[in-house]
Amino acid sequence: MLEITKESIEKATAKARQTKPLVKVIEFRLYQVTNRTSGAKYTVKFSKVGGKKFAECDCKATKICYHIGSTIGLHIVLAAQTVKA
């Protein structure tokens, strides 16, 4: 699991905007990201422990990747809706 910070997510989000991967919700906090060019699929999972936010991706990256960057916006929206429900 990698801790999400403002600094770590900015670069990943910028790359996600360039590559425009396809994001599919599997369930709350779990997403599938598909590379539109290669068709490669990755799974991204979010969690929260002690007020800190974490993410993990099954790609080979060892830091916050663009797969996480591509899902964070959708996850924030869904999390806000869940809190209101």
PDB file of N, CA and C in Angstrom:
ATOM      1  N   MET A   1       0.845  -1.178   0.000  1.00  0.00           N
ATOM      2  CA  MET A   1       0.000   0.000   0.000  1.00  0.00           C
ATOM      3  C   MET A   1       0.886   1.236   0.000  1.00  0.00           C
ATOM      4  N   LEU A   2       0.459   2.216  -0.765  1.00  0.00           N
ATOM      5  CA  LEU A   2       1.184   3.475  -0.871  1.00  0.00           C
ATOM      6  C   LEU A   2       0.321   4.597  -0.306  1.00  0.00           C
ATOM      7  N   GLU A   3       0.916   5.432   0.521  1.00  0.00           N
ATOM      8  CA  GLU A   3       0.162   6.544   1.091  1.00  0.00           C
ATOM      9  C   GLU A   3      -0.071   7.610   0.028  1.00  0.00           C
ATOM     10  N   ILE A   4      -1.296   8.109  -0.018  1.00  0.00           N
ATOM     11  CA  ILE A   4      -1.648   9.150  -0.982  1.00  0.00           C
ATOM     12  C   ILE A   4      -1.438  10.505  -0.325  1.00  0.00           C
ATOM     13  N   THR A   5      -0.628  11.326  -0.971  1.00  0.00           N
ATOM     14  CA  THR A   5      -0.434  12.707  -0.547  1.00  0.00           C
ATOM     15  C   THR A   5      -0.714  13.601  -1.748  1.00  0.00           C
ATOM     16  N   LYS A   6      -0.910  14.858  -1.490  1.00  0.00           N
ATOM     17  CA  LYS A   6      -1.177  15.808  -2.580  1.00  0.00           C
ATOM     18  C   LYS A   6      -0.036  15.781  -3.594  1.00  0.00           C
ATOM     19  N   GLU A   7       1.177  15.755  -3.095  1.00  0.00           N
ATOM     20  CA  GLU A   7       2.344  15.774  -3.970  1.00  0.00           C
ATOM     21  C   GLU A   7       2.443  14.499  -4.806  1.00  0.00           C
ATOM     22  N   SER A   8       2.180  13.354  -4.187  1.00  0.00           N
ATOM     23  CA  SER A   8       2.339  12.083  -4.898  1.00  0.00           C
ATOM     24  C   SER A   8       1.271  11.879  -5.965  1.00  0.00           C
ATOM     25  N   ILE A   9       0.104  12.448  -5.766  1.00  0.00           N
ATOM     26  CA  ILE A   9      -0.988  12.202  -6.703  1.00  0.00           C
ATOM     27  C   ILE A   9      -0.977  13.177  -7.882  1.00  0.00           C
ATOM     28  N   GLU A  10      -0.356  14.354  -7.721  1.00  0.00           N
ATOM     29  CA  GLU A  10      -0.379  15.355  -8.791  1.00  0.00           C
ATOM     30  C   GLU A  10       0.264  14.851 -10.080  1.00  0.00           C
ATOM     31  N   LYS A  11       1.436  14.267  -9.982  1.00  0.00           N
ATOM     32  CA  LYS A  11       2.140  13.766 -11.168  1.00  0.00           C
ATOM     33  C   LYS A  11       1.363  12.613 -11.811  1.00  0.00           C
ATOM     34  N   ALA A  12       0.842  11.725 -10.988  1.00  0.00           N
ATOM     35  CA  ALA A  12       0.086  10.579 -11.498  1.00  0.00           C
ATOM     36  C   ALA A  12      -1.193  11.026 -12.202  1.00  0.00           C
ATOM     37  N   THR A  13      -1.848  12.032 -11.660  1.00  0.00           N
ATOM     38  CA  THR A  13      -3.070  12.548 -12.274  1.00  0.00           C
ATOM     39  C   THR A  13      -2.762  13.225 -13.604  1.00  0.00           C
ATOM     40  N   ALA A  14      -1.657  13.950 -13.669  1.00  0.00           N
ATOM     41  CA  ALA A  14      -1.265  14.610 -14.920  1.00  0.00           C
ATOM     42  C   ALA A  14      -1.008  13.579 -16.018  1.00  0.00           C
ATOM     43  N   LYS A  15      -0.331  12.485 -15.684  1.00  0.00           N
ATOM     44  CA  LYS A  15      -0.071  11.449 -16.687  1.00  0.00           C
ATOM     45  C   LYS A  15      -1.370  10.761 -17.100  1.00  0.00           C
ATOM     46  N   ALA A  16      -2.275  10.563 -16.158  1.00  0.00           N
ATOM     47  CA  ALA A  16      -3.562   9.941 -16.468  1.00  0.00           C
ATOM     48  C   ALA A  16      -4.357  10.803 -17.450  1.00  0.00           C
ATOM     49  N   ARG A  17      -4.268  12.117 -17.299  1.00  0.00           N
ATOM     50  CA  ARG A  17      -4.961  13.019 -18.233  1.00  0.00           C
ATOM     51  C   ARG A  17      -4.412  12.876 -19.654  1.00  0.00           C
ATOM     52  N   GLN A  18      -3.130  12.600 -19.768  1.00  0.00           N
ATOM     53  CA  GLN A  18      -2.514  12.424 -21.079  1.00  0.00           C
ATOM     54  C   GLN A  18      -2.883  11.083 -21.707  1.00  0.00           C
ATOM     55  N   THR A  19      -2.847  10.020 -20.930  1.00  0.00           N
ATOM     56  CA  THR A  19      -3.074   8.678 -21.473  1.00  0.00           C
ATOM     57  C   THR A  19      -4.551   8.309 -21.576  1.00  0.00           C
ATOM     58  N   LYS A  20      -5.401   8.945 -20.781  1.00  0.00           N
ATOM     59  CA  LYS A  20      -6.850   8.738 -20.796  1.00  0.00           C
ATOM     60  C   LYS A  20      -7.262   7.261 -20.744  1.00  0.00           C
ATOM     61  N   PRO A  21      -6.849   6.555 -19.691  1.00  0.00           N
ATOM     62  CA  PRO A  21      -7.250   5.144 -19.583  1.00  0.00           C
ATOM     63  C   PRO A  21      -8.738   5.020 -19.275  1.00  0.00           C
ATOM     64  N   LEU A  22      -9.277   3.855 -19.516  1.00  0.00           N
ATOM     65  CA  LEU A  22     -10.679   3.562 -19.233  1.00  0.00           C
ATOM     66  C   LEU A  22     -10.785   3.046 -17.803  1.00  0.00           C
ATOM     67  N   VAL A  23     -11.660   3.648 -17.007  1.00  0.00           N
ATOM     68  CA  VAL A  23     -11.816   3.257 -15.596  1.00  0.00           C
ATOM     69  C   VAL A  23     -13.199   2.644 -15.402  1.00  0.00           C
ATOM     70  N   LYS A  24     -13.222   1.499 -14.751  1.00  0.00           N
ATOM     71  CA  LYS A  24     -14.472   0.786 -14.472  1.00  0.00           C
ATOM     72  C   LYS A  24     -14.553   0.524 -12.968  1.00  0.00           C
ATOM     73  N   VAL A  25     -15.711   0.804 -12.393  1.00  0.00           N
ATOM     74  CA  VAL A  25     -15.926   0.528 -10.968  1.00  0.00           C
ATOM     75  C   VAL A  25     -16.273  -0.946 -10.809  1.00  0.00           C
ATOM     76  N   ILE A  26     -15.506  -1.635  -9.986  1.00  0.00           N
ATOM     77  CA  ILE A  26     -15.815  -3.028  -9.667  1.00  0.00           C
ATOM     78  C   ILE A  26     -16.730  -3.039  -8.442  1.00  0.00           C
ATOM     79  N   GLU A  27     -16.322  -2.313  -7.422  1.00  0.00           N
ATOM     80  CA  GLU A  27     -17.122  -2.076  -6.219  1.00  0.00           C
ATOM     81  C   GLU A  27     -16.497  -0.872  -5.533  1.00  0.00           C
ATOM     82  N   PHE A  28     -17.128  -0.368  -4.491  1.00  0.00           N
ATOM     83  CA  PHE A  28     -16.593   0.799  -3.798  1.00  0.00           C
ATOM     84  C   PHE A  28     -15.168   0.508  -3.347  1.00  0.00           C
ATOM     85  N   ARG A  29     -14.261   1.401  -3.673  1.00  0.00           N
ATOM     86  CA  ARG A  29     -12.832   1.330  -3.371  1.00  0.00           C
ATOM     87  C   ARG A  29     -12.048   0.370  -4.265  1.00  0.00           C
ATOM     88  N   LEU A  30     -12.682  -0.248  -5.241  1.00  0.00           N
ATOM     89  CA  LEU A  30     -11.993  -1.186  -6.119  1.00  0.00           C
ATOM     90  C   LEU A  30     -12.336  -0.863  -7.575  1.00  0.00           C
ATOM     91  N   TYR A  31     -11.294  -0.642  -8.396  1.00  0.00           N
ATOM     92  CA  TYR A  31     -11.478  -0.191  -9.773  1.00  0.00           C
ATOM     93  C   TYR A  31     -10.608  -0.982 -10.732  1.00  0.00           C
ATOM     94  N   GLN A  32     -11.076  -1.083 -11.971  1.00  0.00           N
ATOM     95  CA  GLN A  32     -10.272  -1.697 -13.022  1.00  0.00           C
ATOM     96  C   GLN A  32      -9.892  -0.594 -14.012  1.00  0.00           C
ATOM     97  N   VAL A  33      -8.615  -0.522 -14.345  1.00  0.00           N
ATOM     98  CA  VAL A  33      -8.109   0.495 -15.264  1.00  0.00           C
ATOM     99  C   VAL A  33      -7.563  -0.219 -16.497  1.00  0.00           C
ATOM    100  N   THR A  34      -8.050   0.195 -17.668  1.00  0.00           N
ATOM    101  CA  THR A  34      -7.613  -0.421 -18.919  1.00  0.00           C
ATOM    102  C   THR A  34      -6.863   0.589 -19.757  1.00  0.00           C
ATOM    103  N   ASN A  35      -5.677   0.210 -20.203  1.00  0.00           N
ATOM    104  CA  ASN A  35      -4.884   1.033 -21.108  1.00  0.00           C
ATOM    105  C   ASN A  35      -5.539   0.934 -22.480  1.00  0.00           C
ATOM    106  N   ARG A  36      -5.959   2.070 -23.021  1.00  0.00           N
ATOM    107  CA  ARG A  36      -6.688   2.073 -24.296  1.00  0.00           C
ATOM    108  C   ARG A  36      -5.819   1.615 -25.471  1.00  0.00           C
ATOM    109  N   THR A  37      -4.523   1.802 -25.380  1.00  0.00           N
ATOM    110  CA  THR A  37      -3.625   1.426 -26.474  1.00  0.00           C
ATOM    111  C   THR A  37      -3.285  -0.062 -26.456  1.00  0.00           C
ATOM    112  N   SER A  38      -2.831  -0.550 -25.308  1.00  0.00           N
ATOM    113  CA  SER A  38      -2.369  -1.941 -25.224  1.00  0.00           C
ATOM    114  C   SER A  38      -3.445  -2.922 -24.777  1.00  0.00           C
ATOM    115  N   GLY A  39      -4.493  -2.412 -24.143  1.00  0.00           N
ATOM    116  CA  GLY A  39      -5.541  -3.287 -23.620  1.00  0.00           C
ATOM    117  C   GLY A  39      -5.196  -3.902 -22.273  1.00  0.00           C
ATOM    118  N   ALA A  40      -4.013  -3.570 -21.734  1.00  0.00           N
ATOM    119  CA  ALA A  40      -3.604  -4.100 -20.428  1.00  0.00           C
ATOM    120  C   ALA A  40      -4.563  -3.608 -19.343  1.00  0.00           C
ATOM    121  N   LYS A  41      -4.876  -4.489 -18.401  1.00  0.00           N
ATOM    122  CA  LYS A  41      -5.815  -4.150 -17.326  1.00  0.00           C
ATOM    123  C   LYS A  41      -5.115  -4.237 -15.980  1.00  0.00           C
ATOM    124  N   TYR A  42      -5.432  -3.278 -15.112  1.00  0.00           N
ATOM    125  CA  TYR A  42      -4.848  -3.213 -13.778  1.00  0.00           C
ATOM    126  C   TYR A  42      -5.954  -2.979 -12.767  1.00  0.00           C
ATOM    127  N   THR A  43      -5.735  -3.439 -11.562  1.00  0.00           N
ATOM    128  CA  THR A  43      -6.703  -3.260 -10.487  1.00  0.00           C
ATOM    129  C   THR A  43      -6.142  -2.282  -9.466  1.00  0.00           C
ATOM    130  N   VAL A  44      -6.967  -1.299  -9.105  1.00  0.00           N
ATOM    131  CA  VAL A  44      -6.586  -0.281  -8.120  1.00  0.00           C
ATOM    132  C   VAL A  44      -7.532  -0.407  -6.931  1.00  0.00           C
ATOM    133  N   LYS A  45      -6.951  -0.379  -5.736  1.00  0.00           N
ATOM    134  CA  LYS A  45      -7.742  -0.494  -4.508  1.00  0.00           C
ATOM    135  C   LYS A  45      -7.371   0.646  -3.567  1.00  0.00           C
ATOM    136  N   PHE A  46      -8.380   1.280  -2.983  1.00  0.00           N
ATOM    137  CA  PHE A  46      -8.177   2.366  -2.022  1.00  0.00           C
ATOM    138  C   PHE A  46      -8.558   1.900  -0.632  1.00  0.00           C
ATOM    139  N   SER A  47      -7.891   2.459   0.369  1.00  0.00           N
ATOM    140  CA  SER A  47      -8.230   2.176   1.761  1.00  0.00           C
ATOM    141  C   SER A  47      -7.892   3.389   2.615  1.00  0.00           C
ATOM    142  N   LYS A  48      -8.435   3.387   3.804  1.00  0.00           N
ATOM    143  CA  LYS A  48      -8.191   4.478   4.749  1.00  0.00           C
ATOM    144  C   LYS A  48      -7.906   3.844   6.101  1.00  0.00           C
ATOM    145  N   VAL A  49      -6.758   4.211   6.683  1.00  0.00           N
ATOM    146  CA  VAL A  49      -6.353   3.648   7.969  1.00  0.00           C
ATOM    147  C   VAL A  49      -5.905   4.788   8.868  1.00  0.00           C
ATOM    148  N   GLY A  50      -6.583   4.937   9.990  1.00  0.00           N
ATOM    149  CA  GLY A  50      -6.202   5.977  10.938  1.00  0.00           C
ATOM    150  C   GLY A  50      -6.198   7.379  10.350  1.00  0.00           C
ATOM    151  N   GLY A  51      -7.121   7.661   9.457  1.00  0.00           N
ATOM    152  CA  GLY A  51      -7.202   8.987   8.852  1.00  0.00           C
ATOM    153  C   GLY A  51      -6.271   9.190   7.665  1.00  0.00           C
ATOM    154  N   LYS A  52      -5.382   8.239   7.406  1.00  0.00           N
ATOM    155  CA  LYS A  52      -4.483   8.334   6.257  1.00  0.00           C
ATOM    156  C   LYS A  52      -5.080   7.551   5.093  1.00  0.00           C
ATOM    157  N   LYS A  53      -4.853   8.062   3.881  1.00  0.00           N
ATOM    158  CA  LYS A  53      -5.404   7.432   2.683  1.00  0.00           C
ATOM    159  C   LYS A  53      -4.312   6.666   1.950  1.00  0.00           C
ATOM    160  N   PHE A  54      -4.670   5.461   1.509  1.00  0.00           N
ATOM    161  CA  PHE A  54      -3.727   4.586   0.837  1.00  0.00           C
ATOM    162  C   PHE A  54      -4.332   4.055  -0.458  1.00  0.00           C
ATOM    163  N   ALA A  55      -3.452   3.664  -1.378  1.00  0.00           N
ATOM    164  CA  ALA A  55      -3.882   3.029  -2.616  1.00  0.00           C
ATOM    165  C   ALA A  55      -2.869   1.961  -2.985  1.00  0.00           C
ATOM    166  N   GLU A  56      -3.344   0.981  -3.735  1.00  0.00           N
ATOM    167  CA  GLU A  56      -2.438  -0.014  -4.277  1.00  0.00           C
ATOM    168  C   GLU A  56      -2.906  -0.382  -5.677  1.00  0.00           C
ATOM    169  N   CYS A  57      -1.942  -0.699  -6.522  1.00  0.00           N
ATOM    170  CA  CYS A  57      -2.209  -1.075  -7.901  1.00  0.00           C
ATOM    171  C   CYS A  57      -1.390  -2.323  -8.195  1.00  0.00           C
ATOM    172  N   ASP A  58      -1.931  -3.205  -9.017  1.00  0.00           N
ATOM    173  CA  ASP A  58      -1.196  -4.431  -9.315  1.00  0.00           C
ATOM    174  C   ASP A  58      -0.243  -4.302 -10.510  1.00  0.00           C
ATOM    175  N   CYS A  59       0.038  -3.069 -10.928  1.00  0.00           N
ATOM    176  CA  CYS A  59       1.050  -2.873 -11.964  1.00  0.00           C
ATOM    177  C   CYS A  59       2.444  -2.975 -11.333  1.00  0.00           C
ATOM    178  N   LYS A  60       3.481  -2.867 -12.147  1.00  0.00           N
ATOM    179  CA  LYS A  60       4.837  -3.050 -11.631  1.00  0.00           C
ATOM    180  C   LYS A  60       5.439  -1.792 -10.990  1.00  0.00           C
ATOM    181  N   ALA A  61       4.729  -0.682 -11.005  1.00  0.00           N
ATOM    182  CA  ALA A  61       5.240   0.563 -10.417  1.00  0.00           C
ATOM    183  C   ALA A  61       5.417   0.415  -8.906  1.00  0.00           C
ATOM    184  N   THR A  62       6.394   1.124  -8.376  1.00  0.00           N
ATOM    185  CA  THR A  62       6.655   1.080  -6.933  1.00  0.00           C
ATOM    186  C   THR A  62       6.274   2.384  -6.244  1.00  0.00           C
ATOM    187  N   LYS A  63       5.604   3.264  -6.968  1.00  0.00           N
ATOM    188  CA  LYS A  63       5.115   4.524  -6.409  1.00  0.00           C
ATOM    189  C   LYS A  63       3.711   4.766  -6.950  1.00  0.00           C
ATOM    190  N   ILE A  64       3.109   5.866  -6.567  1.00  0.00           N
ATOM    191  CA  ILE A  64       1.766   6.188  -7.049  1.00  0.00           C
ATOM    192  C   ILE A  64       1.821   6.283  -8.577  1.00  0.00           C
ATOM    193  N   CYS A  65       1.076   5.415  -9.254  1.00  0.00           N
ATOM    194  CA  CYS A  65       1.113   5.333 -10.714  1.00  0.00           C
ATOM    195  C   CYS A  65      -0.069   6.078 -11.339  1.00  0.00           C
ATOM    196  N   TYR A  66      -0.042   6.182 -12.659  1.00  0.00           N
ATOM    197  CA  TYR A  66      -1.131   6.888 -13.327  1.00  0.00           C
ATOM    198  C   TYR A  66      -2.436   6.095 -13.277  1.00  0.00           C
ATOM    199  N   HIS A  67      -2.368   4.803 -12.991  1.00  0.00           N
ATOM    200  CA  HIS A  67      -3.600   4.023 -12.817  1.00  0.00           C
ATOM    201  C   HIS A  67      -4.349   4.524 -11.580  1.00  0.00           C
ATOM    202  N   ILE A  68      -3.594   4.772 -10.527  1.00  0.00           N
ATOM    203  CA  ILE A  68      -4.185   5.342  -9.308  1.00  0.00           C
ATOM    204  C   ILE A  68      -4.644   6.769  -9.600  1.00  0.00           C
ATOM    205  N   GLY A  69      -3.824   7.523 -10.316  1.00  0.00           N
ATOM    206  CA  GLY A  69      -4.186   8.896 -10.680  1.00  0.00           C
ATOM    207  C   GLY A  69      -5.456   8.975 -11.500  1.00  0.00           C
ATOM    208  N   SER A  70      -5.700   7.963 -12.321  1.00  0.00           N
ATOM    209  CA  SER A  70      -6.889   7.977 -13.170  1.00  0.00           C
ATOM    210  C   SER A  70      -8.162   7.626 -12.401  1.00  0.00           C
ATOM    211  N   THR A  71      -8.034   6.981 -11.264  1.00  0.00           N
ATOM    212  CA  THR A  71      -9.221   6.563 -10.512  1.00  0.00           C
ATOM    213  C   THR A  71      -9.552   7.471  -9.333  1.00  0.00           C
ATOM    214  N   ILE A  72      -8.608   8.278  -8.899  1.00  0.00           N
ATOM    215  CA  ILE A  72      -8.792   9.037  -7.656  1.00  0.00           C
ATOM    216  C   ILE A  72      -9.976  10.001  -7.713  1.00  0.00           C
ATOM    217  N   GLY A  73     -10.161  10.666  -8.840  1.00  0.00           N
ATOM    218  CA  GLY A  73     -11.280  11.611  -8.955  1.00  0.00           C
ATOM    219  C   GLY A  73     -12.620  10.919  -8.813  1.00  0.00           C
ATOM    220  N   LEU A  74     -12.787   9.816  -9.517  1.00  0.00           N
ATOM    221  CA  LEU A  74     -14.026   9.045  -9.424  1.00  0.00           C
ATOM    222  C   LEU A  74     -14.220   8.519  -8.010  1.00  0.00           C
ATOM    223  N   HIS A  75     -13.145   8.051  -7.413  1.00  0.00           N
ATOM    224  CA  HIS A  75     -13.250   7.522  -6.052  1.00  0.00           C
ATOM    225  C   HIS A  75     -13.683   8.610  -5.060  1.00  0.00           C
ATOM    226  N   ILE A  76     -13.142   9.796  -5.201  1.00  0.00           N
ATOM    227  CA  ILE A  76     -13.513  10.905  -4.305  1.00  0.00           C
ATOM    228  C   ILE A  76     -15.003  11.210  -4.429  1.00  0.00           C
ATOM    229  N   VAL A  77     -15.512  11.239  -5.657  1.00  0.00           N
ATOM    230  CA  VAL A  77     -16.938  11.507  -5.879  1.00  0.00           C
ATOM    231  C   VAL A  77     -17.792  10.409  -5.252  1.00  0.00           C
ATOM    232  N   LEU A  78     -17.436   9.163  -5.485  1.00  0.00           N
ATOM    233  CA  LEU A  78     -18.211   8.051  -4.921  1.00  0.00           C
ATOM    234  C   LEU A  78     -18.140   8.019  -3.401  1.00  0.00           C
ATOM    235  N   ALA A  79     -16.974   8.331  -2.849  1.00  0.00           N
ATOM    236  CA  ALA A  79     -16.831   8.365  -1.387  1.00  0.00           C
ATOM    237  C   ALA A  79     -17.701   9.462  -0.776  1.00  0.00           C
ATOM    238  N   ALA A  80     -17.763  10.610  -1.438  1.00  0.00           N
ATOM    239  CA  ALA A  80     -18.605  11.710  -0.939  1.00  0.00           C
ATOM    240  C   ALA A  80     -20.078  11.322  -0.980  1.00  0.00           C
ATOM    241  N   GLN A  81     -20.490  10.604  -2.016  1.00  0.00           N
ATOM    242  CA  GLN A  81     -21.881  10.162  -2.108  1.00  0.00           C
ATOM    243  C   GLN A  81     -22.191   9.116  -1.042  1.00  0.00           C
ATOM    244  N   THR A  82     -21.240   8.270  -0.721  1.00  0.00           N
ATOM    245  CA  THR A  82     -21.433   7.229   0.281  1.00  0.00           C
ATOM    246  C   THR A  82     -21.607   7.844   1.674  1.00  0.00           C
ATOM    247  N   VAL A  83     -20.838   8.893   1.957  1.00  0.00           N
ATOM    248  CA  VAL A  83     -20.925   9.560   3.256  1.00  0.00           C
ATOM    249  C   VAL A  83     -22.292  10.200   3.424  1.00  0.00           C
ATOM    250  N   LYS A  84     -22.842  10.782   2.353  1.00  0.00           N
ATOM    251  CA  LYS A  84     -24.144  11.454   2.401  1.00  0.00           C
ATOM    252  C   LYS A  84     -25.298  10.476   2.526  1.00  0.00           C
ATOM    253  N   ALA A  85     -25.111   9.245   2.040  1.00  0.00           N
ATOM    254  CA  ALA A  85     -26.198   8.264   2.013  1.00  0.00           C
ATOM    255  C   ALA A  85     -26.529   7.753   3.399  1.00  0.00           C
TER     256      ALA A  85
END
